[in-house]
């Protein structure tokens, strides 16, 4: 059961349309995305790199910059410690290339998912000391590594943390919330409670990009040289499922422009071997093609492969590395399907189906797939979901959440049952002893305040709009709203009383329906639906008039362009 809701945010759409020379429908779409005021609207429609915030306003940036520039001048070796996912790999690449451009003696270590686990650990710290590195610089991790940072300091290392994850905290009687920062020489994370940086939603690569921007500024390196990192920041922002709002939207919009004409041999080969048209690469292709290939190495092998691809200058070697990542991703997809089927069967056949927070234990599942399978459960059941697997160190896993449930905060309330955890409101990684699994599931559900309404998928309609209003001019103006993704969703329209004519099912999985759609005035438009084709056509047969949620597109076929609507939901 879905709950359809029409966005009802108010403004003078005609006046906004007049001031910015846009259709009132476009003005309403902008208001629905909480963009208000002339300056914010202008920035949303036309903002570019000049709108990026000044890096030095981020707490810890000046201290980190001073330390790193001194280390570079003194020739002190720096070890970057990243993470094995797409954000960790791209932020490692940004820092490595950027620091080397500044003349630094810098190298990278990325944890092995199974051997090391997430983020900074004691072995990585001791290895850095044994290797004679002077400074540890983390990216996309470190904010929850207080013990490991303390060890680094004991061993005489300088430690700088750059991260974007939530700051660990304890709830105490005397204060509302006590935040726990690692004892590093500098901590850069815009989520620090007293950080004045205006935008808090950067991913790890976004924070790394701002650090390199700041260092380049100190060194007098031209601004245009920073721009080679925009495509990496864009890939990480989409791949780490950040909200495409404010600064993130600018990074992705500008990064996509550069990705479409990238000079990076590794990305060129990844695009080519996945049969993508470079000038058509969009958020979708990052999220479902490029990103999964980069992630696959950290899931099934070592993330060093993905980093090597991004660092590679030789086209032939880049082609070999890209082919390896593509093959790994194909294996990952097959394993994910099997794991998701097992997880759903477990939910359907046990008491799990009564829980508001799903905790599914798949002891034999490859631990790298836990997060993806948790995401599948979350999408299917629309409830927060954890998938846990058995490892040599105990039980490990990942969680994926819905908007109404802050996963990281709820884990903080269960911290006594966990040996390790970290993340943010929508996703988290955890470790615990196997004996604590039943208690963990029980406590999460006892503390859960989600209602039946919260657990019902909500379809938000931007505008109830007749299909006859769809025009090429409107679609051209909608291009100003891109890129679409989490936090800046593709506009969704709806109309009642529509008739589905001549539905035809296509695809080997019978998951594409092509049709014509007629409204009550006689306007007829081509339409397409992606989903269960049999169910859709059966529903249309017994319901001569339907309500359809849709978005308009241009269909290109043999050089001819026609308007059509893509149906997303029906009732």
Protein backbone atom coordinates (compact mmCIF):
# COMPACT_ATOMS: atom_id res chain seq x y z
CA UNK A 1 0.00 0.00 0.00
CA UNK A 2 1.33 3.42 -0.99
CA UNK A 3 0.40 6.79 0.41
CA UNK A 4 0.19 9.49 -2.28
CA UNK A 5 0.77 13.00 -0.99
CA UNK A 6 0.69 16.24 -2.96
CA UNK A 7 3.38 18.73 -1.94
CA UNK A 8 1.51 21.78 -0.69
CA UNK A 9 4.25 24.36 -0.16
CA UNK A 10 3.03 27.84 -0.91
CA UNK A 11 4.50 30.79 -2.76
CA UNK A 12 3.54 33.24 -5.50
CA UNK A 13 4.52 30.93 -8.36
CA UNK A 14 3.38 33.32 -11.07
CA UNK A 15 5.53 36.12 -9.65
CA UNK A 16 8.58 33.84 -9.25
CA UNK A 17 8.04 32.67 -12.82
CA UNK A 18 7.90 36.27 -14.05
CA UNK A 19 11.08 37.31 -12.17
CA UNK A 20 13.14 34.39 -13.40
CA UNK A 21 11.48 33.89 -16.81
CA UNK A 22 10.36 30.36 -15.96
CA UNK A 23 7.04 28.54 -16.11
CA UNK A 24 5.02 28.75 -12.84
CA UNK A 25 5.19 24.94 -12.72
CA UNK A 26 9.00 25.18 -12.57
CA UNK A 27 8.67 27.79 -9.81
CA UNK A 28 6.50 25.37 -7.85
CA UNK A 29 9.01 22.55 -8.33
CA UNK A 30 11.76 24.77 -6.95
CA UNK A 31 9.65 25.70 -3.91
CA UNK A 32 8.92 22.01 -3.28
CA UNK A 33 12.67 21.51 -2.92
CA UNK A 34 12.72 24.13 -0.14
CA UNK A 35 14.58 26.68 -2.24
CA UNK A 36 13.19 30.07 -1.18
CA UNK A 37 14.26 33.68 -1.68
CA UNK A 38 15.59 35.31 -4.84
CA UNK A 39 19.26 34.66 -4.08
CA UNK A 40 18.70 30.96 -3.29
CA UNK A 41 16.56 30.52 -6.40
CA UNK A 42 19.21 32.20 -8.56
CA UNK A 43 21.91 29.96 -7.04
CA UNK A 44 19.77 26.87 -7.58
CA UNK A 45 19.06 27.69 -11.23
CA UNK A 46 22.39 29.13 -12.31
CA UNK A 47 24.97 28.64 -9.53
CA UNK A 48 28.44 27.38 -10.45
CA UNK A 49 31.85 26.95 -8.88
CA UNK A 50 31.86 30.52 -7.64
CA UNK A 51 29.17 29.46 -5.14
CA UNK A 52 31.41 26.94 -3.34
CA UNK A 53 32.06 27.95 0.25
CA UNK A 54 35.46 29.16 1.39
CA UNK A 55 37.37 26.12 2.72
CA UNK A 56 39.04 28.00 5.55
CA UNK A 57 35.69 28.52 7.28
CA UNK A 58 35.67 24.79 8.08
CA UNK A 59 36.83 24.15 11.63
CA UNK A 60 40.30 22.62 11.73
CA UNK A 61 41.15 23.63 8.15
CA UNK A 62 43.70 26.32 9.03
CA UNK A 63 45.41 24.09 11.61
CA UNK A 64 45.56 21.15 9.17
CA UNK A 65 46.82 23.41 6.38
CA UNK A 66 49.58 24.85 8.53
CA UNK A 67 50.71 21.37 9.65
CA UNK A 68 50.65 19.85 6.16
CA UNK A 69 52.48 22.75 4.50
CA UNK A 70 55.17 22.54 7.17
CA UNK A 71 55.49 18.77 6.72
CA UNK A 72 55.81 19.23 2.95
CA UNK A 73 58.52 21.91 3.36
CA UNK A 74 60.44 19.65 5.76
CA UNK A 75 60.09 16.61 3.49
CA UNK A 76 58.24 14.61 6.16
CA UNK A 77 56.49 11.50 4.77
CA UNK A 78 52.68 11.52 4.94
CA UNK A 79 50.47 8.44 4.98
CA UNK A 80 46.89 8.86 3.76
CA UNK A 81 44.51 6.29 5.23
CA UNK A 82 41.24 6.02 3.34
CA UNK A 83 38.39 3.55 3.19
CA UNK A 84 37.40 0.75 0.85
CA UNK A 85 34.18 2.24 -0.54
CA UNK A 86 33.70 4.68 -3.40
CA UNK A 87 33.93 7.73 -1.13
CA UNK A 88 37.06 6.48 0.60
CA UNK A 89 38.80 5.57 -2.66
CA UNK A 90 38.02 8.84 -4.43
CA UNK A 91 38.95 10.97 -1.41
CA UNK A 92 42.23 9.02 -1.13
CA UNK A 93 42.90 9.76 -4.80
CA UNK A 94 42.15 13.48 -4.39
CA UNK A 95 44.49 13.78 -1.40
CA UNK A 96 47.26 11.70 -2.97
CA UNK A 97 47.28 13.58 -6.28
CA UNK A 98 46.84 16.92 -4.57
CA UNK A 99 49.59 16.43 -2.00
CA UNK A 100 52.02 15.11 -4.61
CA UNK A 101 51.29 18.18 -6.76
CA UNK A 102 52.34 20.22 -3.72
CA UNK A 103 55.60 18.29 -3.57
CA UNK A 104 54.72 16.01 -0.66
CA UNK A 105 56.18 12.58 0.03
CA UNK A 106 52.74 10.95 0.28
CA UNK A 107 51.36 7.44 -0.04
CA UNK A 108 48.05 5.68 0.65
CA UNK A 109 46.88 2.69 2.62
CA UNK A 110 43.29 1.53 2.32
CA UNK A 111 41.98 -1.03 4.83
CA UNK A 112 41.09 -4.51 3.59
CA UNK A 113 37.38 -4.97 4.25
CA UNK A 114 37.63 -8.47 5.70
CA UNK A 115 41.10 -8.33 7.28
CA UNK A 116 40.98 -4.79 8.69
CA UNK A 117 37.34 -3.76 8.81
CA UNK A 118 36.11 -0.20 8.42
CA UNK A 119 38.37 2.78 8.91
CA UNK A 120 41.49 3.32 10.96
CA UNK A 121 42.71 0.41 13.08
CA UNK A 122 45.68 -0.31 15.33
CA UNK A 123 47.53 -2.35 12.70
CA UNK A 124 47.39 0.50 10.17
CA UNK A 125 48.69 2.93 12.78
CA UNK A 126 51.57 0.67 13.82
CA UNK A 127 52.41 -0.06 10.18
CA UNK A 128 52.66 3.67 9.45
CA UNK A 129 55.08 4.10 12.35
CA UNK A 130 57.14 1.05 11.32
CA UNK A 131 57.31 2.36 7.75
CA UNK A 132 58.80 5.61 9.00
CA UNK A 133 55.83 7.78 8.07
CA UNK A 134 55.68 11.01 10.05
CA UNK A 135 52.01 11.92 9.64
CA UNK A 136 48.71 10.10 9.32
CA UNK A 137 46.01 11.86 7.30
CA UNK A 138 42.63 10.12 7.27
CA UNK A 139 39.85 10.62 4.77
CA UNK A 140 36.24 9.38 4.96
CA UNK A 141 37.07 7.91 8.38
CA UNK A 142 38.75 8.66 11.67
CA UNK A 143 36.10 10.66 13.53
CA UNK A 144 35.17 7.60 15.62
CA UNK A 145 38.77 6.32 15.97
CA UNK A 146 39.73 7.98 19.25
CA UNK A 147 41.73 4.98 20.51
CA UNK A 148 43.62 4.56 17.25
CA UNK A 149 44.44 8.26 17.04
CA UNK A 150 45.63 8.16 20.66
CA UNK A 151 47.93 5.26 19.73
CA UNK A 152 49.31 7.25 16.79
CA UNK A 153 50.16 10.10 19.16
CA UNK A 154 51.83 7.68 21.59
CA UNK A 155 53.98 6.41 18.72
CA UNK A 156 55.09 9.95 17.92
CA UNK A 157 53.00 10.45 14.79
CA UNK A 158 51.20 13.61 13.79
CA UNK A 159 47.52 12.82 13.14
CA UNK A 160 45.03 14.77 11.04
CA UNK A 161 41.45 13.55 10.63
CA UNK A 162 39.26 14.51 7.68
CA UNK A 163 35.81 12.91 7.76
CA UNK A 164 32.13 13.60 7.22
CA UNK A 165 30.47 10.96 9.39
CA UNK A 166 28.43 11.79 12.47
CA UNK A 167 30.40 12.79 15.56
CA UNK A 168 30.19 10.08 18.26
CA UNK A 169 28.43 11.25 21.39
CA UNK A 170 27.31 10.18 24.83
CA UNK A 171 24.10 11.28 26.50
CA UNK A 172 24.84 12.52 30.01
CA UNK A 173 22.67 13.90 32.75
CA UNK A 174 24.57 17.17 33.10
CA UNK A 175 24.57 17.97 29.37
CA UNK A 176 22.19 17.12 26.57
CA UNK A 177 24.87 15.45 24.46
CA UNK A 178 28.64 15.13 24.97
CA UNK A 179 30.51 14.83 21.67
CA UNK A 180 33.60 12.62 21.56
CA UNK A 181 36.33 13.89 19.23
CA UNK A 182 39.57 11.97 18.55
CA UNK A 183 42.76 13.53 20.06
CA UNK A 184 44.19 14.45 16.66
CA UNK A 185 46.40 17.44 15.89
CA UNK A 186 43.60 18.71 13.64
CA UNK A 187 40.07 17.48 12.95
CA UNK A 188 38.22 18.58 9.81
CA UNK A 189 34.57 17.58 9.77
CA UNK A 190 31.79 20.09 9.05
CA UNK A 191 29.50 18.18 11.43
CA UNK A 192 31.52 19.25 14.47
CA UNK A 193 28.95 21.08 16.62
CA UNK A 194 30.89 24.37 16.67
CA UNK A 195 32.05 24.31 13.03
CA UNK A 196 30.93 27.53 11.24
CA UNK A 197 31.10 25.99 7.75
CA UNK A 198 27.69 26.74 6.20
CA UNK A 199 27.08 23.36 4.53
CA UNK A 200 27.13 20.19 6.61
CA UNK A 201 26.27 17.60 3.96
CA UNK A 202 29.60 17.02 2.18
CA UNK A 203 30.85 13.47 1.63
CA UNK A 204 34.41 12.47 2.51
CA UNK A 205 35.68 13.37 -0.97
CA UNK A 206 33.94 16.74 -0.69
CA UNK A 207 35.87 17.45 2.52
CA UNK A 208 39.12 16.22 0.89
CA UNK A 209 38.45 18.45 -2.13
CA UNK A 210 38.05 21.49 0.13
CA UNK A 211 41.31 20.64 1.93
CA UNK A 212 43.19 20.50 -1.38
CA UNK A 213 41.53 23.74 -2.50
CA UNK A 214 42.81 25.38 0.67
CA UNK A 215 46.32 23.98 0.32
CA UNK A 216 46.50 24.98 -3.36
CA UNK A 217 45.47 28.48 -2.33
CA UNK A 218 48.27 28.63 0.26
CA UNK A 219 50.77 27.42 -2.35
CA UNK A 220 49.56 29.81 -5.06
CA UNK A 221 48.54 27.01 -7.45
CA UNK A 222 46.01 28.28 -10.04
CA UNK A 223 42.34 27.55 -9.31
CA UNK A 224 41.88 25.69 -12.59
CA UNK A 225 44.12 22.89 -11.31
CA UNK A 226 41.65 22.13 -8.53
CA UNK A 227 39.01 21.35 -11.11
CA UNK A 228 40.51 17.99 -12.08
CA UNK A 229 39.15 16.70 -8.75
CA UNK A 230 35.56 17.79 -9.38
CA UNK A 231 34.66 14.60 -11.25
CA UNK A 232 35.94 12.50 -8.33
CA UNK A 233 33.98 14.60 -5.82
CA UNK A 234 30.86 14.19 -7.98
CA UNK A 235 31.29 10.40 -8.23
CA UNK A 236 31.71 10.16 -4.44
CA UNK A 237 28.77 12.44 -3.67
CA UNK A 238 26.41 10.34 -5.78
CA UNK A 239 27.99 7.01 -4.85
CA UNK A 240 27.79 7.76 -1.12
CA UNK A 241 24.13 8.81 -1.58
CA UNK A 242 24.50 12.36 -0.32
CA UNK A 243 21.65 14.85 -0.68
CA UNK A 244 22.00 16.78 -3.95
CA UNK A 245 21.37 20.10 -2.30
CA UNK A 246 23.43 23.25 -1.85
CA UNK A 247 27.13 22.69 -2.34
CA UNK A 248 26.67 18.99 -3.22
CA UNK A 249 24.45 19.86 -6.14
CA UNK A 250 27.07 22.27 -7.49
CA UNK A 251 29.84 19.69 -7.09
CA UNK A 252 27.81 17.08 -8.98
CA UNK A 253 26.59 19.49 -11.67
CA UNK A 254 30.10 20.79 -12.36
CA UNK A 255 31.70 17.38 -11.86
CA UNK A 256 29.40 15.78 -14.44
CA UNK A 257 30.47 18.38 -17.02
CA UNK A 258 34.07 17.31 -16.55
CA UNK A 259 33.33 13.59 -16.28
CA UNK A 260 31.67 13.69 -19.71
CA UNK A 261 34.99 14.83 -21.21
CA UNK A 262 37.30 13.30 -18.61
CA UNK A 263 41.03 13.09 -19.27
CA UNK A 264 41.47 10.40 -16.61
CA UNK A 265 42.41 7.18 -18.48
CA UNK A 266 40.85 4.95 -15.83
CA UNK A 267 37.49 6.71 -15.98
CA UNK A 268 37.65 6.83 -19.78
CA UNK A 269 38.06 3.05 -19.87
CA UNK A 270 35.38 2.43 -17.24
CA UNK A 271 32.94 4.46 -19.34
CA UNK A 272 33.98 2.74 -22.58
CA UNK A 273 33.90 -0.83 -21.27
CA UNK A 274 30.42 -0.32 -19.84
CA UNK A 275 29.25 0.89 -23.27
CA UNK A 276 28.25 4.33 -22.00
CA UNK A 277 28.13 7.41 -24.21
CA UNK A 278 30.55 9.85 -22.51
CA UNK A 279 28.46 12.94 -23.24
CA UNK A 280 25.34 11.24 -21.80
CA UNK A 281 26.83 10.18 -18.45
CA UNK A 282 24.53 11.29 -15.64
CA UNK A 283 23.76 10.66 -11.98
CA UNK A 284 22.11 7.35 -12.88
CA UNK A 285 25.26 6.02 -14.54
CA UNK A 286 27.40 6.97 -11.54
CA UNK A 287 24.96 5.35 -9.13
CA UNK A 288 24.32 2.13 -11.06
CA UNK A 289 27.31 1.56 -13.37
CA UNK A 290 30.50 3.51 -12.59
CA UNK A 291 30.07 3.57 -8.82
CA UNK A 292 29.34 -0.16 -8.40
CA UNK A 293 32.41 -1.01 -10.51
CA UNK A 294 34.63 1.15 -8.28
CA UNK A 295 32.99 -0.32 -5.17
CA UNK A 296 33.30 -3.92 -6.39
CA UNK A 297 37.06 -4.09 -5.82
CA UNK A 298 36.69 -3.17 -2.16
CA UNK A 299 33.85 -5.66 -1.76
CA UNK A 300 35.27 -8.78 -3.36
CA UNK A 301 39.01 -8.12 -3.62
CA UNK A 302 40.98 -5.03 -2.57
CA UNK A 303 40.08 -1.37 -3.02
CA UNK A 304 43.66 -0.79 -4.12
CA UNK A 305 42.53 -1.91 -7.58
CA UNK A 306 40.02 0.95 -7.81
CA UNK A 307 42.59 3.46 -6.55
CA UNK A 308 45.13 2.12 -9.07
CA UNK A 309 42.58 2.62 -11.86
CA UNK A 310 42.00 6.26 -10.87
CA UNK A 311 45.75 6.91 -10.58
CA UNK A 312 46.76 5.10 -13.80
CA UNK A 313 48.21 7.20 -16.63
CA UNK A 314 48.78 4.43 -19.19
CA UNK A 315 45.66 3.75 -21.30
CA UNK A 316 46.43 0.05 -21.90
CA UNK A 317 46.92 -0.66 -18.20
CA UNK A 318 43.79 1.38 -17.41
CA UNK A 319 41.86 -0.83 -19.86
CA UNK A 320 43.05 -3.96 -18.06
CA UNK A 321 42.16 -2.57 -14.63
CA UNK A 322 38.72 -1.39 -15.81
CA UNK A 323 38.02 -4.84 -17.26
CA UNK A 324 38.91 -6.45 -13.93
CA UNK A 325 36.57 -4.12 -12.03
CA UNK A 326 33.72 -4.73 -14.48
CA UNK A 327 34.13 -8.51 -14.09
CA UNK A 328 34.20 -8.20 -10.30
CA UNK A 329 31.00 -6.17 -10.42
CA UNK A 330 29.25 -8.83 -12.49
CA UNK A 331 30.17 -11.43 -9.86
CA UNK A 332 28.97 -9.09 -7.13
CA UNK A 333 25.58 -8.70 -8.83
CA UNK A 334 25.03 -12.46 -9.00
CA UNK A 335 25.97 -12.93 -5.35
CA UNK A 336 23.72 -10.05 -4.33
CA UNK A 337 20.67 -11.57 -6.01
CA UNK A 338 21.17 -14.86 -4.16
CA UNK A 339 21.73 -13.10 -0.82
CA UNK A 340 18.69 -10.85 -1.22
CA UNK A 341 16.46 -13.83 -2.05
CA UNK A 342 17.67 -15.66 1.08
CA UNK A 343 17.11 -12.59 3.26
CA UNK A 344 13.57 -12.00 1.99
CA UNK A 345 12.66 -15.65 2.45
CA UNK A 346 13.88 -15.43 6.05
CA UNK A 347 11.72 -12.36 6.70
CA UNK A 348 8.64 -13.94 5.13
CA UNK A 349 8.91 -17.25 6.99
CA UNK A 350 9.87 -16.11 10.51
CA UNK A 351 8.78 -13.64 13.19
CA UNK A 352 11.04 -11.05 11.56
CA UNK A 353 8.11 -9.89 9.45
CA UNK A 354 6.50 -8.46 12.62
CA UNK A 355 9.51 -6.21 13.38
CA UNK A 356 9.62 -2.53 12.54
CA UNK A 357 13.43 -2.68 12.34
CA UNK A 358 14.71 -5.71 10.43
CA UNK A 359 17.81 -7.48 11.71
CA UNK A 360 18.62 -10.38 9.37
CA UNK A 361 21.51 -12.73 10.09
CA UNK A 362 23.05 -14.41 7.04
CA UNK A 363 26.13 -16.09 8.52
CA UNK A 364 27.48 -17.38 5.20
CA UNK A 365 26.88 -14.22 3.16
CA UNK A 366 29.98 -12.39 1.92
CA UNK A 367 30.27 -9.52 4.40
CA UNK A 368 30.89 -6.98 1.64
CA UNK A 369 27.36 -7.53 0.33
CA UNK A 370 25.59 -6.87 3.64
CA UNK A 371 24.96 -3.20 2.90
CA UNK A 372 23.58 -3.81 -0.59
CA UNK A 373 21.25 -6.56 0.66
CA UNK A 374 20.16 -4.33 3.56
CA UNK A 375 19.31 -1.70 0.95
CA UNK A 376 17.20 -4.22 -0.99
CA UNK A 377 15.31 -5.15 2.20
CA UNK A 378 14.76 -1.49 3.02
CA UNK A 379 13.36 -0.82 -0.45
CA UNK A 380 11.14 -3.93 -0.44
CA UNK A 381 9.71 -3.60 3.09
CA UNK A 382 10.17 0.15 3.60
CA UNK A 383 11.66 -0.23 7.03
CA UNK A 384 15.15 0.18 8.53
CA UNK A 385 17.15 -2.96 7.78
CA UNK A 386 20.37 -4.53 9.03
CA UNK A 387 22.08 -7.50 7.40
CA UNK A 388 24.72 -9.24 9.50
CA UNK A 389 27.28 -11.91 8.63
CA UNK A 390 29.68 -14.14 10.55
CA UNK A 391 33.39 -13.24 10.48
CA UNK A 392 36.48 -14.39 12.35
CA UNK A 393 36.17 -11.45 14.74
CA UNK A 394 32.45 -11.94 15.42
CA UNK A 395 29.35 -10.64 13.69
CA UNK A 396 29.64 -7.69 11.30
CA UNK A 397 27.15 -6.00 9.06
CA UNK A 398 25.56 -2.91 7.60
CA UNK A 399 22.28 -1.10 7.88
CA UNK A 400 20.21 1.08 5.55
CA UNK A 401 17.44 3.33 6.78
CA UNK A 402 14.31 5.25 5.80
CA UNK A 403 13.95 9.01 6.14
CA UNK A 404 11.94 8.81 9.37
CA UNK A 405 14.61 6.82 11.26
CA UNK A 406 18.06 8.17 12.18
CA UNK A 407 20.06 4.95 12.17
CA UNK A 408 23.23 6.35 13.73
CA UNK A 409 21.37 7.95 16.65
CA UNK A 410 19.47 4.72 17.34
CA UNK A 411 22.74 2.77 17.35
CA UNK A 412 24.15 5.20 19.91
CA UNK A 413 21.31 4.10 22.20
CA UNK A 414 22.43 0.47 21.79
CA UNK A 415 26.17 1.07 21.98
CA UNK A 416 26.68 -1.26 24.97
CA UNK A 417 25.75 -4.22 22.74
CA UNK A 418 28.19 -3.26 19.96
CA UNK A 419 31.94 -3.63 19.74
CA UNK A 420 32.15 -1.02 16.98
CA UNK A 421 29.83 1.14 14.92
CA UNK A 422 29.76 4.24 12.76
CA UNK A 423 27.75 5.94 10.06
CA UNK A 424 25.07 8.56 9.56
CA UNK A 425 21.24 8.78 9.66
CA UNK A 426 20.66 6.73 6.51
CA UNK A 427 23.38 4.06 6.75
CA UNK A 428 25.70 2.46 9.28
CA UNK A 429 28.24 -0.29 9.82
CA UNK A 430 28.34 -2.35 13.01
CA UNK A 431 30.26 -5.14 14.76
CA UNK A 432 29.06 -7.16 17.74
CA UNK A 433 29.42 -10.49 19.49
CA UNK A 434 27.13 -13.22 18.15
CA UNK A 435 25.59 -13.79 21.58
CA UNK A 436 24.30 -10.19 21.53
CA UNK A 437 22.37 -10.56 18.28
CA UNK A 438 18.96 -11.38 19.85
CA UNK A 439 19.38 -8.55 22.37
CA UNK A 440 20.36 -6.12 19.61
CA UNK A 441 17.27 -6.96 17.56
CA UNK A 442 15.05 -6.79 20.66
CA UNK A 443 16.39 -3.45 21.89
CA UNK A 444 16.26 -1.76 18.47
CA UNK A 445 12.61 -2.70 18.14
CA UNK A 446 11.74 -1.76 21.73
CA UNK A 447 13.26 1.69 21.24
CA UNK A 448 11.72 2.15 17.78
CA UNK A 449 9.01 4.83 17.59
CA UNK A 450 8.09 4.35 13.91
CA UNK A 451 4.34 4.29 13.28
CA UNK A 452 2.35 2.33 10.70
CA UNK A 453 2.13 5.55 8.70
CA UNK A 454 5.94 5.90 8.78
CA UNK A 455 6.28 2.36 7.42
CA UNK A 456 4.00 3.05 4.47
CA UNK A 457 5.89 4.14 1.31
CA UNK A 458 5.09 7.77 0.57
CA UNK A 459 4.82 8.95 -3.03
CA UNK A 460 5.21 12.73 -3.09
CA UNK A 461 3.53 14.36 -6.08
CA UNK A 462 5.03 17.73 -6.99
CA UNK A 463 2.15 18.97 -9.09
CA UNK A 464 -1.23 17.45 -10.07
CA UNK A 465 -0.76 18.33 -13.75
CA UNK A 466 -2.77 17.34 -16.84
CA UNK A 467 -0.72 15.49 -19.45
CA UNK A 468 -1.84 18.06 -22.02
CA UNK A 469 0.31 20.64 -20.21
CA UNK A 470 3.48 18.70 -21.08
CA UNK A 471 5.49 20.57 -23.71
CA UNK A 472 8.99 20.67 -25.09
CA UNK A 473 9.46 24.12 -23.56
CA UNK A 474 8.54 22.78 -20.11
CA UNK A 475 11.02 19.90 -20.49
CA UNK A 476 13.76 22.30 -21.58
CA UNK A 477 13.17 24.38 -18.45
CA UNK A 478 13.20 21.25 -16.28
CA UNK A 479 16.81 20.73 -17.38
CA UNK A 480 17.69 23.71 -15.15
CA UNK A 481 16.72 21.60 -12.13
CA UNK A 482 19.26 18.85 -12.80
CA UNK A 483 21.11 16.91 -11.54
CA UNK A 484 18.37 14.76 -10.03
CA UNK A 485 19.03 12.37 -7.17
CA UNK A 486 18.57 12.02 -3.44
CA UNK A 487 17.47 15.33 -1.98
CA UNK A 488 16.70 16.78 -5.41
CA UNK A 489 14.33 14.22 -6.84
CA UNK A 490 13.13 14.14 -10.42
CA UNK A 491 9.86 16.10 -10.57
CA UNK A 492 6.80 13.86 -10.28
CA UNK A 493 3.38 14.79 -11.64
CA UNK A 494 0.01 13.07 -11.46
CA UNK A 495 -3.41 13.15 -13.07
CA UNK A 496 -6.70 11.40 -12.32
CA UNK A 497 -9.09 9.81 -14.79
CA UNK A 498 -6.53 8.70 -17.35
CA UNK A 499 -7.19 5.86 -19.77
CA UNK A 500 -4.50 3.35 -20.76
CA UNK A 501 -4.79 2.40 -24.45
CA UNK A 502 -3.15 -0.49 -26.31
CA UNK A 503 -0.68 -1.62 -23.61
CA UNK A 504 2.09 -3.86 -25.00
CA UNK A 505 4.55 -5.77 -22.82
CA UNK A 506 8.23 -5.98 -23.83
CA UNK A 507 11.51 -7.29 -22.37
CA UNK A 508 12.74 -10.77 -21.53
CA UNK A 509 11.49 -10.23 -17.98
CA UNK A 510 8.25 -8.65 -19.28
CA UNK A 511 9.03 -5.53 -17.31
CA UNK A 512 8.41 -2.81 -19.93
CA UNK A 513 4.95 -1.66 -20.97
CA UNK A 514 4.47 0.72 -23.89
CA UNK A 515 1.08 2.33 -24.33
CA UNK A 516 -0.87 5.41 -25.18
CA UNK A 517 -2.52 7.46 -22.47
CA UNK A 518 -5.66 9.54 -22.97
CA UNK A 519 -7.15 12.17 -20.68
CA UNK A 520 -10.81 13.12 -20.44
CA UNK A 521 -10.38 16.00 -22.91
CA UNK A 522 -9.17 13.63 -25.64
CA UNK A 523 -5.46 14.49 -25.43
CA UNK A 524 -3.41 11.38 -26.22
CA UNK A 525 0.27 10.89 -25.38
CA UNK A 526 2.75 8.02 -25.62
CA UNK A 527 3.63 6.39 -22.32
CA UNK A 528 5.97 3.77 -20.88
CA UNK A 529 6.01 1.88 -17.58
CA UNK A 530 8.95 -0.05 -16.10
CA UNK A 531 7.97 -2.72 -13.60
CA UNK A 532 5.72 -5.77 -13.42
CA UNK A 533 4.18 -5.59 -16.88
CA UNK A 534 1.62 -8.33 -16.28
CA UNK A 535 0.30 -6.69 -13.10
CA UNK A 536 0.09 -3.26 -14.72
CA UNK A 537 -1.82 -4.43 -17.81
CA UNK A 538 -4.14 -6.60 -15.72
CA UNK A 539 -4.95 -3.60 -13.51
CA UNK A 540 -5.54 -1.39 -16.54
CA UNK A 541 -8.00 -3.88 -18.03
CA UNK A 542 -10.35 -3.74 -15.05
CA UNK A 543 -9.88 -0.04 -14.32
CA UNK A 544 -10.83 1.97 -17.41
CA UNK A 545 -9.84 5.21 -15.63
CA UNK A 546 -6.73 5.37 -13.47
CA UNK A 547 -4.64 7.84 -11.50
CA UNK A 548 -1.10 7.86 -12.79
CA UNK A 549 2.04 9.39 -11.31
CA UNK A 550 4.50 10.25 -14.05
CA UNK A 551 7.36 12.36 -15.31
CA UNK A 552 7.71 13.66 -18.88
CA UNK A 553 10.62 12.81 -21.17
CA UNK A 554 11.66 13.06 -24.80
CA UNK A 555 11.81 9.74 -26.64
CA UNK A 556 14.39 9.65 -29.45
CA UNK A 557 13.99 6.96 -32.10
CA UNK A 558 15.69 6.89 -35.50
CA UNK A 559 16.37 10.58 -35.35
CA UNK A 560 12.78 11.49 -34.49
CA UNK A 561 11.92 13.02 -31.11
CA UNK A 562 8.50 12.70 -29.48
CA UNK A 563 7.15 13.65 -26.06
CA UNK A 564 6.16 10.80 -23.78
CA UNK A 565 5.45 10.24 -20.11
CA UNK A 566 7.06 7.60 -17.93
CA UNK A 567 4.56 6.16 -15.45
CA UNK A 568 6.08 5.46 -12.03
CA UNK A 569 3.02 4.58 -9.92
CA UNK A 570 -0.65 3.87 -10.51
CA UNK A 571 -3.87 3.46 -8.54
